[in-house]
């Protein structure tokens, strides 16, 4: 990290000095890294710094190297900085506080609260029902916070798999019925009356858990407008096997909508009546992306195939 960026961190946290403690992870396709930075002589023990380097000489781990992909990634980081500047403070759902955003040349720095130090040190690969319920509550609070809001400066349509941003994956999709139905599935989701902001990448790996069972969410590169069922279906697919996805479907939706009504402060029957049937449509939408992007992916299963066939039949 250059001296200018170091000076910004010191200034915004009132620290006397800093040490780059560890690299938490490299950013996808080589666009920089996320670093934990220890601070001295300030109440803030450490911060998490997202250091973005927007050069075009990056390589995609699955070989999807193109200007389309590069431009999509550039916009995702612009969206994330806008999110933290304008919108994050309005969230009912717990997420990291933002201390600073700074750009210089083709580099951007986002200085965030260290959620490990804030009491959310756990990352989970396997979940209990309580964990799932807590994440569904987080999603409900998030969606309630931005219901009816216009996503100025964010993605007009949130999620990283949105059809209009994924022409290459659609082009190589070999499932012809799904390929032919892709636009109609997309339109059905986008034309709903009730829209909120969606997180856009609400997988289990983007939730940080506390010892007491609370949760905070991270990674807002693909936040934008849309139906909350996109987040819910994607989250469920990230942490349950196909048998449990099917067995628990009604219970999962009942839980989410109970928390959504609670967060809204009233029971919005019209919203639930519109969104609940869109759960499977949202599932089919992600399935479309996945089959074009990585046809052998573990998430492609009989439950997803069956749901998608039903959605296509009912369009």
Protein backbone atom coordinates (compact mmCIF):
# COMPACT_ATOMS: atom_id res chain seq x y z
CA UNK A 1 0.00 0.00 0.00
CA UNK A 2 1.41 3.40 -0.95
CA UNK A 3 2.18 6.13 1.57
CA UNK A 4 -0.74 8.30 0.48
CA UNK A 5 -3.26 5.58 1.31
CA UNK A 6 -1.52 4.89 4.61
CA UNK A 7 -1.86 8.56 5.51
CA UNK A 8 -5.60 8.45 4.77
CA UNK A 9 -6.08 5.49 7.13
CA UNK A 10 -4.12 7.23 9.89
CA UNK A 11 -6.05 10.45 9.42
CA UNK A 12 -9.50 8.85 9.43
CA UNK A 13 -8.83 6.61 12.44
CA UNK A 14 -6.69 9.04 14.47
CA UNK A 15 -3.98 6.38 14.73
CA UNK A 16 -0.31 7.25 15.16
CA UNK A 17 0.96 4.33 13.08
CA UNK A 18 -0.22 1.21 11.30
CA UNK A 19 0.97 -2.26 10.35
CA UNK A 20 -0.37 -4.38 7.50
CA UNK A 21 -1.13 -7.43 9.62
CA UNK A 22 -2.43 -10.00 7.11
CA UNK A 23 -4.04 -10.48 3.74
CA UNK A 24 -7.55 -11.76 4.37
CA UNK A 25 -8.14 -12.62 0.73
CA UNK A 26 -7.19 -11.74 -2.81
CA UNK A 27 -9.97 -10.09 -4.79
CA UNK A 28 -11.56 -12.11 -7.60
CA UNK A 29 -9.57 -12.11 -10.85
CA UNK A 30 -6.62 -10.26 -9.33
CA UNK A 31 -8.24 -6.86 -8.76
CA UNK A 32 -6.47 -6.26 -5.46
CA UNK A 33 -6.81 -7.63 -1.96
CA UNK A 34 -8.50 -7.27 1.40
CA UNK A 35 -6.06 -6.56 4.25
CA UNK A 36 -6.34 -6.41 8.02
CA UNK A 37 -4.45 -3.37 9.27
CA UNK A 38 -3.47 -3.01 12.95
CA UNK A 39 -3.53 0.51 14.40
CA UNK A 40 -1.69 2.11 17.30
CA UNK A 41 -2.70 4.82 19.82
CA UNK A 42 -6.39 4.82 18.89
CA UNK A 43 -9.46 3.08 20.34
CA UNK A 44 -9.86 1.29 16.98
CA UNK A 45 -7.63 -1.77 17.31
CA UNK A 46 -7.73 -2.67 13.60
CA UNK A 47 -9.55 -2.02 10.35
CA UNK A 48 -10.20 -4.06 7.24
CA UNK A 49 -8.98 -2.38 4.07
CA UNK A 50 -10.26 -3.26 0.62
CA UNK A 51 -7.48 -2.18 -1.74
CA UNK A 52 -8.78 -2.23 -5.32
CA UNK A 53 -6.40 -2.04 -8.28
CA UNK A 54 -8.31 -1.54 -11.50
CA UNK A 55 -5.75 -2.55 -14.10
CA UNK A 56 -7.05 -4.53 -17.08
CA UNK A 57 -4.35 -7.20 -17.02
CA UNK A 58 -6.32 -9.52 -14.79
CA UNK A 59 -7.03 -13.21 -15.26
CA UNK A 60 -10.31 -14.88 -14.44
CA UNK A 61 -9.99 -18.19 -12.57
CA UNK A 62 -12.48 -19.87 -14.90
CA UNK A 63 -11.10 -18.34 -18.09
CA UNK A 64 -13.83 -15.72 -18.62
CA UNK A 65 -11.46 -12.96 -19.66
CA UNK A 66 -13.12 -10.22 -21.71
CA UNK A 67 -13.69 -6.50 -21.79
CA UNK A 68 -17.31 -7.19 -20.82
CA UNK A 69 -16.10 -8.91 -17.67
CA UNK A 70 -13.59 -6.17 -16.95
CA UNK A 71 -16.17 -3.39 -17.35
CA UNK A 72 -18.62 -5.29 -15.15
CA UNK A 73 -15.95 -5.59 -12.47
CA UNK A 74 -15.04 -1.88 -12.76
CA UNK A 75 -18.67 -0.93 -12.26
CA UNK A 76 -19.00 -3.32 -9.31
CA UNK A 77 -16.32 -1.43 -7.41
CA UNK A 78 -17.85 1.93 -8.33
CA UNK A 79 -21.16 0.59 -7.00
CA UNK A 80 -19.56 -0.54 -3.77
CA UNK A 81 -17.98 2.85 -3.10
CA UNK A 82 -21.33 4.57 -3.83
CA UNK A 83 -23.04 2.10 -1.52
CA UNK A 84 -20.78 2.97 1.41
CA UNK A 85 -20.90 6.71 0.68
CA UNK A 86 -24.65 7.08 0.32
CA UNK A 87 -26.66 4.08 1.42
CA UNK A 88 -25.03 1.76 3.97
CA UNK A 89 -25.81 3.94 6.99
CA UNK A 90 -29.55 3.43 6.40
CA UNK A 91 -29.44 -0.36 6.78
CA UNK A 92 -31.35 -2.01 9.63
CA UNK A 93 -29.22 -5.10 8.98
CA UNK A 94 -25.74 -5.18 10.58
CA UNK A 95 -22.83 -4.44 8.24
CA UNK A 96 -19.39 -2.88 8.66
CA UNK A 97 -19.07 0.84 9.32
CA UNK A 98 -17.11 2.70 6.68
CA UNK A 99 -14.32 4.99 7.90
CA UNK A 100 -12.97 6.20 4.55
CA UNK A 101 -13.13 5.88 0.77
CA UNK A 102 -10.28 7.26 -1.30
CA UNK A 103 -9.19 6.95 -4.93
CA UNK A 104 -5.91 7.78 -6.59
CA UNK A 105 -5.11 6.86 -10.17
CA UNK A 106 -6.51 3.41 -10.86
CA UNK A 107 -6.51 2.44 -7.19
CA UNK A 108 -9.31 2.73 -4.64
CA UNK A 109 -9.23 2.21 -0.90
CA UNK A 110 -12.27 1.35 1.24
CA UNK A 111 -11.51 1.41 4.98
CA UNK A 112 -14.02 -0.63 6.97
CA UNK A 113 -14.76 -1.70 10.50
CA UNK A 114 -13.04 -4.97 11.42
CA UNK A 115 -16.04 -7.21 12.11
CA UNK A 116 -13.81 -9.77 13.84
CA UNK A 117 -12.92 -7.16 16.45
CA UNK A 118 -16.57 -6.00 16.58
CA UNK A 119 -17.69 -9.45 17.75
CA UNK A 120 -18.33 -11.28 14.48
CA UNK A 121 -15.24 -13.53 14.11
CA UNK A 122 -16.91 -16.72 12.86
CA UNK A 123 -17.21 -17.86 9.23
CA UNK A 124 -19.29 -20.97 8.64
CA UNK A 125 -19.32 -23.67 5.99
CA UNK A 126 -22.03 -25.73 7.67
CA UNK A 127 -25.09 -24.18 9.26
CA UNK A 128 -27.76 -25.03 11.80
CA UNK A 129 -31.38 -24.00 11.38
CA UNK A 130 -30.71 -21.15 13.80
CA UNK A 131 -27.90 -19.86 11.56
CA UNK A 132 -30.18 -19.95 8.52
CA UNK A 133 -32.95 -18.20 10.42
CA UNK A 134 -30.54 -15.46 11.53
CA UNK A 135 -29.37 -14.87 7.95
CA UNK A 136 -32.95 -14.78 6.68
CA UNK A 137 -33.69 -12.17 9.34
CA UNK A 138 -30.67 -10.17 8.13
CA UNK A 139 -31.93 -10.33 4.53
CA UNK A 140 -35.43 -9.31 5.60
CA UNK A 141 -34.07 -6.31 7.52
CA UNK A 142 -31.87 -5.38 4.58
CA UNK A 143 -34.73 -5.51 2.07
CA UNK A 144 -37.07 -3.63 4.40
CA UNK A 145 -34.49 -0.85 4.75
CA UNK A 146 -34.60 -0.09 1.03
CA UNK A 147 -38.10 -1.07 -0.04
CA UNK A 148 -39.27 1.36 -2.72
CA UNK A 149 -35.90 3.16 -2.89
CA UNK A 150 -34.35 4.08 -6.25
CA UNK A 151 -30.83 2.60 -6.68
CA UNK A 152 -29.14 5.73 -8.03
CA UNK A 153 -25.44 4.99 -8.51
CA UNK A 154 -25.94 1.29 -7.78
CA UNK A 155 -26.82 -1.48 -10.23
CA UNK A 156 -30.22 -0.74 -11.69
CA UNK A 157 -30.83 -4.48 -11.39
CA UNK A 158 -28.82 -6.06 -8.59
CA UNK A 159 -26.99 -9.46 -8.49
CA UNK A 160 -23.81 -10.50 -10.26
CA UNK A 161 -25.67 -12.93 -12.55
CA UNK A 162 -28.17 -10.43 -14.00
CA UNK A 163 -28.97 -11.46 -17.57
CA UNK A 164 -28.04 -8.18 -19.28
CA UNK A 165 -24.54 -8.31 -17.79
CA UNK A 166 -23.97 -11.97 -18.76
CA UNK A 167 -24.31 -12.28 -22.56
CA UNK A 168 -21.35 -14.66 -22.88
CA UNK A 169 -22.74 -17.15 -20.40
CA UNK A 170 -26.12 -17.08 -22.15
CA UNK A 171 -24.46 -17.57 -25.54
CA UNK A 172 -22.78 -20.84 -24.50
CA UNK A 173 -25.77 -22.19 -22.55
CA UNK A 174 -26.65 -25.57 -24.05
CA UNK A 175 -30.04 -25.93 -22.36
CA UNK A 176 -32.18 -24.60 -25.23
CA UNK A 177 -35.53 -24.34 -23.38
CA UNK A 178 -33.84 -22.39 -20.59
CA UNK A 179 -31.91 -20.26 -23.06
CA UNK A 180 -35.12 -19.39 -24.89
CA UNK A 181 -36.91 -18.58 -21.65
CA UNK A 182 -34.09 -16.52 -20.11
CA UNK A 183 -35.47 -13.12 -21.14
CA UNK A 184 -38.99 -13.96 -19.94
CA UNK A 185 -37.67 -15.16 -16.56
CA UNK A 186 -35.64 -11.97 -16.25
CA UNK A 187 -38.63 -9.80 -17.16
CA UNK A 188 -40.91 -11.56 -14.67
CA UNK A 189 -38.50 -10.72 -11.85
CA UNK A 190 -37.81 -7.17 -12.99
CA UNK A 191 -41.44 -6.26 -13.57
CA UNK A 192 -42.59 -6.89 -10.01
CA UNK A 193 -44.38 -3.95 -8.36
CA UNK A 194 -42.52 -4.17 -5.07
CA UNK A 195 -38.80 -3.59 -5.39
CA UNK A 196 -36.11 -3.14 -2.78
CA UNK A 197 -32.32 -3.22 -2.87
CA UNK A 198 -30.86 -6.71 -3.10
CA UNK A 199 -27.44 -7.56 -1.69
CA UNK A 200 -26.61 -9.32 -4.96
CA UNK A 201 -24.14 -11.89 -3.62
CA UNK A 202 -25.76 -13.11 -0.39
CA UNK A 203 -23.94 -16.44 -0.11
CA UNK A 204 -23.06 -17.99 3.22
CA UNK A 205 -19.41 -16.92 2.83
CA UNK A 206 -20.47 -13.27 2.96
CA UNK A 207 -21.96 -13.57 6.44
CA UNK A 208 -19.90 -13.10 9.61
CA UNK A 209 -21.26 -14.73 12.77
CA UNK A 210 -20.88 -13.86 16.45
CA UNK A 211 -20.45 -16.43 19.23
CA UNK A 212 -23.95 -15.53 20.43
CA UNK A 213 -25.51 -16.25 17.02
CA UNK A 214 -25.84 -12.75 15.56
CA UNK A 215 -24.75 -12.03 11.99
CA UNK A 216 -23.32 -9.22 9.86
CA UNK A 217 -23.12 -9.06 6.06
CA UNK A 218 -20.21 -8.00 3.84
CA UNK A 219 -19.35 -7.47 0.14
CA UNK A 220 -21.62 -4.97 -1.60
CA UNK A 221 -20.28 -4.95 -5.17
CA UNK A 222 -23.55 -6.14 -6.68
CA UNK A 223 -26.12 -4.32 -4.61
CA UNK A 224 -28.95 -2.86 -6.67
CA UNK A 225 -32.64 -2.83 -7.32
CA UNK A 226 -34.86 -5.87 -7.50
CA UNK A 227 -37.00 -8.53 -5.89
CA UNK A 228 -35.76 -9.77 -2.52
CA UNK A 229 -36.37 -13.38 -3.57
CA UNK A 230 -33.15 -13.23 -5.57
CA UNK A 231 -31.13 -12.94 -2.36
CA UNK A 232 -33.21 -15.49 -0.49
CA UNK A 233 -33.01 -18.21 -3.15
CA UNK A 234 -29.30 -17.62 -3.73
CA UNK A 235 -28.53 -17.75 -0.01
CA UNK A 236 -30.48 -20.99 0.47
CA UNK A 237 -28.72 -22.58 -2.50
CA UNK A 238 -25.36 -21.65 -0.97
CA UNK A 239 -25.83 -23.56 2.27
CA UNK A 240 -28.33 -26.42 1.85
CA UNK A 241 -28.27 -29.60 -0.22
CA UNK A 242 -31.01 -30.21 -2.75
CA UNK A 243 -33.00 -32.50 -0.44
CA UNK A 244 -33.14 -29.89 2.31
CA UNK A 245 -33.84 -27.08 -0.16
CA UNK A 246 -36.99 -28.92 -1.19
CA UNK A 247 -37.98 -30.22 2.26
CA UNK A 248 -37.64 -26.83 3.96
CA UNK A 249 -38.85 -24.54 1.16
CA UNK A 250 -42.14 -23.49 2.79
CA UNK A 251 -40.58 -23.11 6.24
CA UNK A 252 -37.76 -20.97 4.82
CA UNK A 253 -40.17 -18.63 3.07
CA UNK A 254 -42.50 -18.45 6.09
CA UNK A 255 -39.52 -17.48 8.24
CA UNK A 256 -38.24 -14.84 5.83
CA UNK A 257 -41.64 -13.18 5.39
CA UNK A 258 -42.33 -13.17 9.13
CA UNK A 259 -39.08 -11.25 9.63
CA UNK A 260 -39.80 -8.99 6.67
CA UNK A 261 -43.19 -7.95 8.06
CA UNK A 262 -41.55 -7.42 11.45
CA UNK A 263 -38.87 -5.18 9.95
CA UNK A 264 -41.47 -3.20 8.00
CA UNK A 265 -43.53 -2.70 11.16
CA UNK A 266 -46.66 -4.10 9.52
CA UNK A 267 -47.88 -7.10 7.59
CA UNK A 268 -47.64 -6.26 3.88
CA UNK A 269 -49.86 -8.95 2.36
CA UNK A 270 -49.63 -7.56 -1.19
CA UNK A 271 -45.82 -7.69 -1.11
CA UNK A 272 -45.77 -11.27 0.17
CA UNK A 273 -48.38 -12.37 -2.37
CA UNK A 274 -46.23 -10.97 -5.16
CA UNK A 275 -42.79 -12.06 -3.95
CA UNK A 276 -43.49 -15.56 -2.63
CA UNK A 277 -44.24 -17.09 -6.09
CA UNK A 278 -41.13 -15.33 -7.45
CA UNK A 279 -38.86 -17.44 -5.19
CA UNK A 280 -38.76 -20.23 -7.76
CA UNK A 281 -38.46 -17.78 -10.64
CA UNK A 282 -35.40 -16.28 -8.93
CA UNK A 283 -34.01 -19.78 -8.46
CA UNK A 284 -34.44 -20.47 -12.18
CA UNK A 285 -32.77 -17.16 -13.02
CA UNK A 286 -29.60 -18.10 -11.13
CA UNK A 287 -29.75 -21.63 -12.55
CA UNK A 288 -29.66 -20.08 -16.04
CA UNK A 289 -26.46 -18.24 -15.21
CA UNK A 290 -24.84 -21.23 -13.52
CA UNK A 291 -25.46 -23.64 -16.40
CA UNK A 292 -23.79 -21.25 -18.83
CA UNK A 293 -20.94 -20.23 -16.53
CA UNK A 294 -19.99 -23.61 -15.05
CA UNK A 295 -22.07 -26.53 -16.39
CA UNK A 296 -20.47 -29.02 -13.97
CA UNK A 297 -21.06 -26.89 -10.84
CA UNK A 298 -22.21 -28.76 -7.72
CA UNK A 299 -25.24 -26.50 -7.34
CA UNK A 300 -26.74 -27.87 -10.57
CA UNK A 301 -29.03 -30.60 -9.27
CA UNK A 302 -32.36 -32.31 -9.82
CA UNK A 303 -34.23 -29.85 -7.56
CA UNK A 304 -32.96 -26.87 -9.59
CA UNK A 305 -33.72 -28.61 -12.88
CA UNK A 306 -37.25 -29.51 -11.80
CA UNK A 307 -38.04 -26.05 -10.44
CA UNK A 308 -36.69 -24.41 -13.57
CA UNK A 309 -38.78 -26.66 -15.82
CA UNK A 310 -41.89 -25.74 -13.83
CA UNK A 311 -41.07 -22.03 -14.07
CA UNK A 312 -40.58 -22.25 -17.85
CA UNK A 313 -43.88 -24.13 -18.21
CA UNK A 314 -45.74 -21.48 -16.21
CA UNK A 315 -44.31 -18.41 -17.94
